[in-house]
Amino acid sequence: TLIKVEKDGLYGAPDIAIEILSQNKSYDTKRKRALYEKAGVKEYFMIDPENKNVTLLTLNASGLYEQTYEETGILRSDIINCDLKF
């Protein structure tokens, strides 16, 4: 994704979004998911702080999210080529 740097800020979508789910999980998992998908964020991580569950959604060739994995206590990103354990 191309990020454009201007004097008044950055424009464009990031490659990765990491969302710590709030009490309003429906908003995070539906509304924000739709916004990130539309913007073209390639990897969207949703972390449930209550149980440390991590869900990864990645954009497919059609520009739609597919669930890539769900794990506990590990965030695995292909884009930045790393595993983060917590």
PDB file of N, CA and C in Angstrom:
ATOM      1  N   THR A   1       0.848  -1.174   0.000  1.00  0.00           N
ATOM      2  CA  THR A   1       0.000   0.000   0.000  1.00  0.00           C
ATOM      3  C   THR A   1       0.888   1.229   0.000  1.00  0.00           C
ATOM      4  N   LEU A   2       0.525   2.206  -0.789  1.00  0.00           N
ATOM      5  CA  LEU A   2       1.304   3.422  -0.896  1.00  0.00           C
ATOM      6  C   LEU A   2       0.807   4.436   0.117  1.00  0.00           C
ATOM      7  N   ILE A   3       1.697   4.881   0.984  1.00  0.00           N
ATOM      8  CA  ILE A   3       1.389   5.941   1.939  1.00  0.00           C
ATOM      9  C   ILE A   3       1.991   7.228   1.378  1.00  0.00           C
ATOM     10  N   LYS A   4       1.176   8.254   1.288  1.00  0.00           N
ATOM     11  CA  LYS A   4       1.638   9.542   0.771  1.00  0.00           C
ATOM     12  C   LYS A   4       1.903  10.465   1.954  1.00  0.00           C
ATOM     13  N   VAL A   5       3.095  11.029   2.002  1.00  0.00           N
ATOM     14  CA  VAL A   5       3.485  11.931   3.074  1.00  0.00           C
ATOM     15  C   VAL A   5       3.318  13.368   2.587  1.00  0.00           C
ATOM     16  N   GLU A   6       2.497  14.112   3.306  1.00  0.00           N
ATOM     17  CA  GLU A   6       2.262  15.522   2.997  1.00  0.00           C
ATOM     18  C   GLU A   6       2.616  16.351   4.228  1.00  0.00           C
ATOM     19  N   LYS A   7       2.682  17.662   4.077  1.00  0.00           N
ATOM     20  CA  LYS A   7       2.997  18.537   5.201  1.00  0.00           C
ATOM     21  C   LYS A   7       1.963  18.443   6.310  1.00  0.00           C
ATOM     22  N   ASP A   8       0.713  18.188   5.941  1.00  0.00           N
ATOM     23  CA  ASP A   8      -0.350  18.155   6.942  1.00  0.00           C
ATOM     24  C   ASP A   8      -0.684  16.741   7.424  1.00  0.00           C
ATOM     25  N   GLY A   9       0.083  15.733   7.034  1.00  0.00           N
ATOM     26  CA  GLY A   9      -0.168  14.384   7.546  1.00  0.00           C
ATOM     27  C   GLY A   9       0.145  13.299   6.543  1.00  0.00           C
ATOM     28  N   LEU A  10      -0.195  12.084   6.934  1.00  0.00           N
ATOM     29  CA  LEU A  10      -0.009  10.904   6.098  1.00  0.00           C
ATOM     30  C   LEU A  10      -1.343  10.526   5.473  1.00  0.00           C
ATOM     31  N   TYR A  11      -1.298  10.071   4.232  1.00  0.00           N
ATOM     32  CA  TYR A  11      -2.510   9.677   3.527  1.00  0.00           C
ATOM     33  C   TYR A  11      -2.327   8.293   2.932  1.00  0.00           C
ATOM     34  N   GLY A  12      -3.352   7.476   3.067  1.00  0.00           N
ATOM     35  CA  GLY A  12      -3.313   6.117   2.552  1.00  0.00           C
ATOM     36  C   GLY A  12      -3.494   5.124   3.679  1.00  0.00           C
ATOM     37  N   ALA A  13      -3.715   3.899   3.311  1.00  0.00           N
ATOM     38  CA  ALA A  13      -3.951   2.838   4.295  1.00  0.00           C
ATOM     39  C   ALA A  13      -2.644   2.159   4.681  1.00  0.00           C
ATOM     40  N   PRO A  14      -2.508   1.782   5.949  1.00  0.00           N
ATOM     41  CA  PRO A  14      -1.330   1.004   6.354  1.00  0.00           C
ATOM     42  C   PRO A  14      -1.457  -0.432   5.838  1.00  0.00           C
ATOM     43  N   ASP A  15      -0.362  -1.159   5.836  1.00  0.00           N
ATOM     44  CA  ASP A  15      -0.401  -2.573   5.451  1.00  0.00           C
ATOM     45  C   ASP A  15      -0.983  -3.438   6.555  1.00  0.00           C
ATOM     46  N   ILE A  16      -0.806  -3.003   7.816  1.00  0.00           N
ATOM     47  CA  ILE A  16      -1.211  -3.806   8.972  1.00  0.00           C
ATOM     48  C   ILE A  16      -2.018  -2.943   9.938  1.00  0.00           C
ATOM     49  N   ALA A  17      -3.081  -3.530  10.487  1.00  0.00           N
ATOM     50  CA  ALA A  17      -3.829  -2.906  11.580  1.00  0.00           C
ATOM     51  C   ALA A  17      -3.928  -3.930  12.705  1.00  0.00           C
ATOM     52  N   ILE A  18      -3.619  -3.501  13.922  1.00  0.00           N
ATOM     53  CA  ILE A  18      -3.730  -4.359  15.100  1.00  0.00           C
ATOM     54  C   ILE A  18      -4.761  -3.722  16.011  1.00  0.00           C
ATOM     55  N   GLU A  19      -5.850  -4.430  16.209  1.00  0.00           N
ATOM     56  CA  GLU A  19      -6.989  -3.927  16.979  1.00  0.00           C
ATOM     57  C   GLU A  19      -7.096  -4.702  18.294  1.00  0.00           C
ATOM     58  N   ILE A  20      -6.989  -3.994  19.409  1.00  0.00           N
ATOM     59  CA  ILE A  20      -7.275  -4.591  20.709  1.00  0.00           C
ATOM     60  C   ILE A  20      -8.770  -4.387  20.907  1.00  0.00           C
ATOM     61  N   LEU A  21      -9.512  -5.477  20.946  1.00  0.00           N
ATOM     62  CA  LEU A  21     -10.965  -5.383  20.998  1.00  0.00           C
ATOM     63  C   LEU A  21     -11.430  -4.673  22.263  1.00  0.00           C
ATOM     64  N   SER A  22     -12.379  -3.769  22.085  1.00  0.00           N
ATOM     65  CA  SER A  22     -12.953  -3.019  23.193  1.00  0.00           C
ATOM     66  C   SER A  22     -14.160  -3.781  23.745  1.00  0.00           C
ATOM     67  N   GLN A  23     -14.847  -3.158  24.670  1.00  0.00           N
ATOM     68  CA  GLN A  23     -16.082  -3.752  25.201  1.00  0.00           C
ATOM     69  C   GLN A  23     -17.133  -3.871  24.100  1.00  0.00           C
ATOM     70  N   ASN A  24     -17.059  -2.996  23.107  1.00  0.00           N
ATOM     71  CA  ASN A  24     -17.984  -3.026  21.986  1.00  0.00           C
ATOM     72  C   ASN A  24     -17.380  -3.873  20.861  1.00  0.00           C
ATOM     73  N   LYS A  25     -17.286  -5.172  21.093  1.00  0.00           N
ATOM     74  CA  LYS A  25     -16.634  -6.079  20.139  1.00  0.00           C
ATOM     75  C   LYS A  25     -17.335  -6.102  18.789  1.00  0.00           C
ATOM     76  N   SER A  26     -18.638  -5.925  18.787  1.00  0.00           N
ATOM     77  CA  SER A  26     -19.390  -5.919  17.531  1.00  0.00           C
ATOM     78  C   SER A  26     -18.917  -4.779  16.631  1.00  0.00           C
ATOM     79  N   TYR A  27     -18.698  -3.597  17.204  1.00  0.00           N
ATOM     80  CA  TYR A  27     -18.213  -2.452  16.433  1.00  0.00           C
ATOM     81  C   TYR A  27     -16.828  -2.749  15.857  1.00  0.00           C
ATOM     82  N   ASP A  28     -15.955  -3.304  16.689  1.00  0.00           N
ATOM     83  CA  ASP A  28     -14.584  -3.595  16.252  1.00  0.00           C
ATOM     84  C   ASP A  28     -14.552  -4.678  15.170  1.00  0.00           C
ATOM     85  N   THR A  29     -15.322  -5.739  15.356  1.00  0.00           N
ATOM     86  CA  THR A  29     -15.241  -6.884  14.443  1.00  0.00           C
ATOM     87  C   THR A  29     -16.102  -6.742  13.194  1.00  0.00           C
ATOM     88  N   LYS A  30     -17.029  -5.798  13.189  1.00  0.00           N
ATOM     89  CA  LYS A  30     -17.878  -5.596  12.003  1.00  0.00           C
ATOM     90  C   LYS A  30     -17.593  -4.262  11.323  1.00  0.00           C
ATOM     91  N   ARG A  31     -17.804  -3.163  12.043  1.00  0.00           N
ATOM     92  CA  ARG A  31     -17.659  -1.837  11.436  1.00  0.00           C
ATOM     93  C   ARG A  31     -16.209  -1.539  11.062  1.00  0.00           C
ATOM     94  N   LYS A  32     -15.295  -1.726  12.021  1.00  0.00           N
ATOM     95  CA  LYS A  32     -13.887  -1.444  11.723  1.00  0.00           C
ATOM     96  C   LYS A  32     -13.352  -2.416  10.676  1.00  0.00           C
ATOM     97  N   ARG A  33     -13.781  -3.668  10.769  1.00  0.00           N
ATOM     98  CA  ARG A  33     -13.368  -4.652   9.761  1.00  0.00           C
ATOM     99  C   ARG A  33     -13.752  -4.162   8.368  1.00  0.00           C
ATOM    100  N   ALA A  34     -14.976  -3.702   8.208  1.00  0.00           N
ATOM    101  CA  ALA A  34     -15.441  -3.218   6.903  1.00  0.00           C
ATOM    102  C   ALA A  34     -14.635  -2.006   6.438  1.00  0.00           C
ATOM    103  N   LEU A  35     -14.325  -1.105   7.354  1.00  0.00           N
ATOM    104  CA  LEU A  35     -13.539   0.086   6.998  1.00  0.00           C
ATOM    105  C   LEU A  35     -12.119  -0.284   6.572  1.00  0.00           C
ATOM    106  N   TYR A  36     -11.481  -1.181   7.325  1.00  0.00           N
ATOM    107  CA  TYR A  36     -10.119  -1.606   6.980  1.00  0.00           C
ATOM    108  C   TYR A  36     -10.104  -2.369   5.652  1.00  0.00           C
ATOM    109  N   GLU A  37     -11.099  -3.209   5.448  1.00  0.00           N
ATOM    110  CA  GLU A  37     -11.189  -3.976   4.205  1.00  0.00           C
ATOM    111  C   GLU A  37     -11.335  -3.025   3.018  1.00  0.00           C
ATOM    112  N   LYS A  38     -12.235  -2.055   3.134  1.00  0.00           N
ATOM    113  CA  LYS A  38     -12.465  -1.084   2.063  1.00  0.00           C
ATOM    114  C   LYS A  38     -11.211  -0.257   1.780  1.00  0.00           C
ATOM    115  N   ALA A  39     -10.458   0.074   2.826  1.00  0.00           N
ATOM    116  CA  ALA A  39      -9.236   0.878   2.668  1.00  0.00           C
ATOM    117  C   ALA A  39      -8.078   0.073   2.084  1.00  0.00           C
ATOM    118  N   GLY A  40      -8.180  -1.260   2.127  1.00  0.00           N
ATOM    119  CA  GLY A  40      -7.118  -2.098   1.567  1.00  0.00           C
ATOM    120  C   GLY A  40      -6.026  -2.476   2.543  1.00  0.00           C
ATOM    121  N   VAL A  41      -6.331  -2.474   3.846  1.00  0.00           N
ATOM    122  CA  VAL A  41      -5.357  -2.914   4.857  1.00  0.00           C
ATOM    123  C   VAL A  41      -5.142  -4.412   4.660  1.00  0.00           C
ATOM    124  N   LYS A  42      -3.908  -4.812   4.381  1.00  0.00           N
ATOM    125  CA  LYS A  42      -3.621  -6.205   3.997  1.00  0.00           C
ATOM    126  C   LYS A  42      -3.770  -7.207   5.130  1.00  0.00           C
ATOM    127  N   GLU A  43      -3.319  -6.853   6.327  1.00  0.00           N
ATOM    128  CA  GLU A  43      -3.448  -7.744   7.489  1.00  0.00           C
ATOM    129  C   GLU A  43      -4.184  -6.999   8.597  1.00  0.00           C
ATOM    130  N   TYR A  44      -5.258  -7.602   9.076  1.00  0.00           N
ATOM    131  CA  TYR A  44      -6.043  -7.015  10.163  1.00  0.00           C
ATOM    132  C   TYR A  44      -6.067  -8.009  11.313  1.00  0.00           C
ATOM    133  N   PHE A  45      -5.357  -7.655  12.388  1.00  0.00           N
ATOM    134  CA  PHE A  45      -5.303  -8.490  13.583  1.00  0.00           C
ATOM    135  C   PHE A  45      -6.327  -7.993  14.591  1.00  0.00           C
ATOM    136  N   MET A  46      -7.107  -8.906  15.136  1.00  0.00           N
ATOM    137  CA  MET A  46      -8.030  -8.585  16.218  1.00  0.00           C
ATOM    138  C   MET A  46      -7.585  -9.385  17.436  1.00  0.00           C
ATOM    139  N   ILE A  47      -7.298  -8.680  18.526  1.00  0.00           N
ATOM    140  CA  ILE A  47      -6.830  -9.335  19.749  1.00  0.00           C
ATOM    141  C   ILE A  47      -7.861  -9.131  20.844  1.00  0.00           C
ATOM    142  N   ASP A  48      -8.329 -10.234  21.407  1.00  0.00           N
ATOM    143  CA  ASP A  48      -9.257 -10.187  22.539  1.00  0.00           C
ATOM    144  C   ASP A  48      -8.413 -10.193  23.810  1.00  0.00           C
ATOM    145  N   PRO A  49      -8.371  -9.080  24.546  1.00  0.00           N
ATOM    146  CA  PRO A  49      -7.501  -8.998  25.719  1.00  0.00           C
ATOM    147  C   PRO A  49      -7.924  -9.916  26.862  1.00  0.00           C
ATOM    148  N   GLU A  50      -9.170 -10.343  26.869  1.00  0.00           N
ATOM    149  CA  GLU A  50      -9.652 -11.211  27.947  1.00  0.00           C
ATOM    150  C   GLU A  50      -9.024 -12.603  27.893  1.00  0.00           C
ATOM    151  N   ASN A  51      -8.858 -13.149  26.685  1.00  0.00           N
ATOM    152  CA  ASN A  51      -8.329 -14.505  26.566  1.00  0.00           C
ATOM    153  C   ASN A  51      -7.071 -14.595  25.692  1.00  0.00           C
ATOM    154  N   LYS A  52      -6.540 -13.426  25.276  1.00  0.00           N
ATOM    155  CA  LYS A  52      -5.349 -13.342  24.426  1.00  0.00           C
ATOM    156  C   LYS A  52      -5.525 -14.035  23.075  1.00  0.00           C
ATOM    157  N   ASN A  53      -6.761 -14.168  22.631  1.00  0.00           N
ATOM    158  CA  ASN A  53      -7.039 -14.794  21.343  1.00  0.00           C
ATOM    159  C   ASN A  53      -6.751 -13.792  20.217  1.00  0.00           C
ATOM    160  N   VAL A  54      -6.007 -14.242  19.212  1.00  0.00           N
ATOM    161  CA  VAL A  54      -5.645 -13.414  18.069  1.00  0.00           C
ATOM    162  C   VAL A  54      -6.278 -14.000  16.816  1.00  0.00           C
ATOM    163  N   THR A  55      -7.019 -13.177  16.100  1.00  0.00           N
ATOM    164  CA  THR A  55      -7.598 -13.568  14.820  1.00  0.00           C
ATOM    165  C   THR A  55      -6.964 -12.698  13.752  1.00  0.00           C
ATOM    166  N   LEU A  56      -6.496 -13.322  12.685  1.00  0.00           N
ATOM    167  CA  LEU A  56      -5.901 -12.588  11.574  1.00  0.00           C
ATOM    168  C   LEU A  56      -6.787 -12.707  10.355  1.00  0.00           C
ATOM    169  N   LEU A  57      -7.102 -11.560   9.771  1.00  0.00           N
ATOM    170  CA  LEU A  57      -7.809 -11.500   8.498  1.00  0.00           C
ATOM    171  C   LEU A  57      -6.846 -10.932   7.472  1.00  0.00           C
ATOM    172  N   THR A  58      -6.790 -11.542   6.299  1.00  0.00           N
ATOM    173  CA  THR A  58      -5.929 -11.034   5.228  1.00  0.00           C
ATOM    174  C   THR A  58      -6.776 -10.807   3.983  1.00  0.00           C
ATOM    175  N   LEU A  59      -6.375  -9.814   3.200  1.00  0.00           N
ATOM    176  CA  LEU A  59      -7.088  -9.529   1.958  1.00  0.00           C
ATOM    177  C   LEU A  59      -6.773 -10.592   0.918  1.00  0.00           C
ATOM    178  N   ASN A  60      -7.813 -11.080   0.251  1.00  0.00           N
ATOM    179  CA  ASN A  60      -7.590 -12.031  -0.838  1.00  0.00           C
ATOM    180  C   ASN A  60      -7.470 -11.269  -2.157  1.00  0.00           C
ATOM    181  N   ALA A  61      -7.345 -11.984  -3.257  1.00  0.00           N
ATOM    182  CA  ALA A  61      -7.151 -11.355  -4.571  1.00  0.00           C
ATOM    183  C   ALA A  61      -8.335 -10.478  -4.971  1.00  0.00           C
ATOM    184  N   SER A  62      -9.514 -10.756  -4.404  1.00  0.00           N
ATOM    185  CA  SER A  62     -10.708  -9.964  -4.711  1.00  0.00           C
ATOM    186  C   SER A  62     -10.842  -8.733  -3.818  1.00  0.00           C
ATOM    187  N   GLY A  63      -9.905  -8.554  -2.877  1.00  0.00           N
ATOM    188  CA  GLY A  63      -9.959  -7.412  -1.974  1.00  0.00           C
ATOM    189  C   GLY A  63     -10.888  -7.610  -0.797  1.00  0.00           C
ATOM    190  N   LEU A  64     -11.206  -8.865  -0.490  1.00  0.00           N
ATOM    191  CA  LEU A  64     -12.068  -9.189   0.644  1.00  0.00           C
ATOM    192  C   LEU A  64     -11.269  -9.934   1.706  1.00  0.00           C
ATOM    193  N   TYR A  65     -11.675  -9.760   2.964  1.00  0.00           N
ATOM    194  CA  TYR A  65     -10.969 -10.434   4.049  1.00  0.00           C
ATOM    195  C   TYR A  65     -11.336 -11.911   4.139  1.00  0.00           C
ATOM    196  N   GLU A  66     -10.304 -12.698   4.420  1.00  0.00           N
ATOM    197  CA  GLU A  66     -10.448 -14.111   4.753  1.00  0.00           C
ATOM    198  C   GLU A  66      -9.726 -14.327   6.070  1.00  0.00           C
ATOM    199  N   GLN A  67     -10.301 -15.164   6.934  1.00  0.00           N
ATOM    200  CA  GLN A  67      -9.615 -15.476   8.187  1.00  0.00           C
ATOM    201  C   GLN A  67      -8.456 -16.402   7.876  1.00  0.00           C
ATOM    202  N   THR A  68      -7.251 -15.962   8.248  1.00  0.00           N
ATOM    203  CA  THR A  68      -6.039 -16.724   7.980  1.00  0.00           C
ATOM    204  C   THR A  68      -5.713 -17.662   9.135  1.00  0.00           C
ATOM    205  N   TYR A  69      -5.829 -17.159  10.347  1.00  0.00           N
ATOM    206  CA  TYR A  69      -5.622 -18.032  11.511  1.00  0.00           C
ATOM    207  C   TYR A  69      -6.248 -17.420  12.744  1.00  0.00           C
ATOM    208  N   GLU A  70      -6.321 -18.272  13.763  1.00  0.00           N
ATOM    209  CA  GLU A  70      -6.768 -17.863  15.089  1.00  0.00           C
ATOM    210  C   GLU A  70      -5.910 -18.630  16.085  1.00  0.00           C
ATOM    211  N   GLU A  71      -5.205 -17.895  16.945  1.00  0.00           N
ATOM    212  CA  GLU A  71      -4.310 -18.513  17.923  1.00  0.00           C
ATOM    213  C   GLU A  71      -4.391 -17.752  19.238  1.00  0.00           C
ATOM    214  N   THR A  72      -3.796 -18.321  20.252  1.00  0.00           N
ATOM    215  CA  THR A  72      -3.752 -17.679  21.560  1.00  0.00           C
ATOM    216  C   THR A  72      -2.325 -17.254  21.870  1.00  0.00           C
ATOM    217  N   GLY A  73      -2.169 -15.968  22.189  1.00  0.00           N
ATOM    218  CA  GLY A  73      -0.891 -15.462  22.669  1.00  0.00           C
ATOM    219  C   GLY A  73       0.193 -15.269  21.646  1.00  0.00           C
ATOM    220  N   ILE A  74      -0.147 -15.318  20.351  1.00  0.00           N
ATOM    221  CA  ILE A  74       0.876 -15.087  19.330  1.00  0.00           C
ATOM    222  C   ILE A  74       0.269 -14.342  18.147  1.00  0.00           C
ATOM    223  N   LEU A  75       0.997 -13.338  17.698  1.00  0.00           N
ATOM    224  CA  LEU A  75       0.612 -12.570  16.529  1.00  0.00           C
ATOM    225  C   LEU A  75       1.660 -12.876  15.471  1.00  0.00           C
ATOM    226  N   ARG A  76       1.241 -13.448  14.369  1.00  0.00           N
ATOM    227  CA  ARG A  76       2.159 -13.880  13.308  1.00  0.00           C
ATOM    228  C   ARG A  76       1.861 -13.082  12.045  1.00  0.00           C
ATOM    229  N   SER A  77       2.830 -12.273  11.614  1.00  0.00           N
ATOM    230  CA  SER A  77       2.649 -11.427  10.438  1.00  0.00           C
ATOM    231  C   SER A  77       3.593 -11.844   9.325  1.00  0.00           C
ATOM    232  N   ASP A  78       3.034 -12.112   8.152  1.00  0.00           N
ATOM    233  CA  ASP A  78       3.862 -12.393   6.979  1.00  0.00           C
ATOM    234  C   ASP A  78       4.447 -11.108   6.405  1.00  0.00           C
ATOM    235  N   ILE A  79       3.715 -10.011   6.539  1.00  0.00           N
ATOM    236  CA  ILE A  79       4.171  -8.742   5.958  1.00  0.00           C
ATOM    237  C   ILE A  79       5.451  -8.250   6.630  1.00  0.00           C
ATOM    238  N   ILE A  80       5.494  -8.288   7.955  1.00  0.00           N
ATOM    239  CA  ILE A  80       6.707  -7.836   8.638  1.00  0.00           C
ATOM    240  C   ILE A  80       7.592  -9.008   9.053  1.00  0.00           C
ATOM    241  N   ASN A  81       7.192 -10.222   8.652  1.00  0.00           N
ATOM    242  CA  ASN A  81       7.993 -11.431   8.839  1.00  0.00           C
ATOM    243  C   ASN A  81       8.434 -11.610  10.306  1.00  0.00           C
ATOM    244  N   CYS A  82       7.432 -11.663  11.192  1.00  0.00           N
ATOM    245  CA  CYS A  82       7.784 -11.868  12.600  1.00  0.00           C
ATOM    246  C   CYS A  82       6.627 -12.497  13.357  1.00  0.00           C
ATOM    247  N   ASP A  83       6.974 -13.077  14.495  1.00  0.00           N
ATOM    248  CA  ASP A  83       6.005 -13.609  15.457  1.00  0.00           C
ATOM    249  C   ASP A  83       6.175 -12.831  16.744  1.00  0.00           C
ATOM    250  N   LEU A  84       5.076 -12.325  17.259  1.00  0.00           N
ATOM    251  CA  LEU A  84       5.094 -11.619  18.545  1.00  0.00           C
ATOM    252  C   LEU A  84       4.309 -12.435  19.548  1.00  0.00           C
ATOM    253  N   LYS A  85       4.981 -12.863  20.604  1.00  0.00           N
ATOM    254  CA  LYS A  85       4.328 -13.652  21.650  1.00  0.00           C
ATOM    255  C   LYS A  85       4.028 -12.751  22.837  1.00  0.00           C
ATOM    256  N   PHE A  86       2.861 -12.971  23.448  1.00  0.00           N
ATOM    257  CA  PHE A  86       2.494 -12.173  24.615  1.00  0.00           C
ATOM    258  C   PHE A  86       1.698 -13.012  25.579  1.00  0.00           C
TER     259      PHE A  86
END
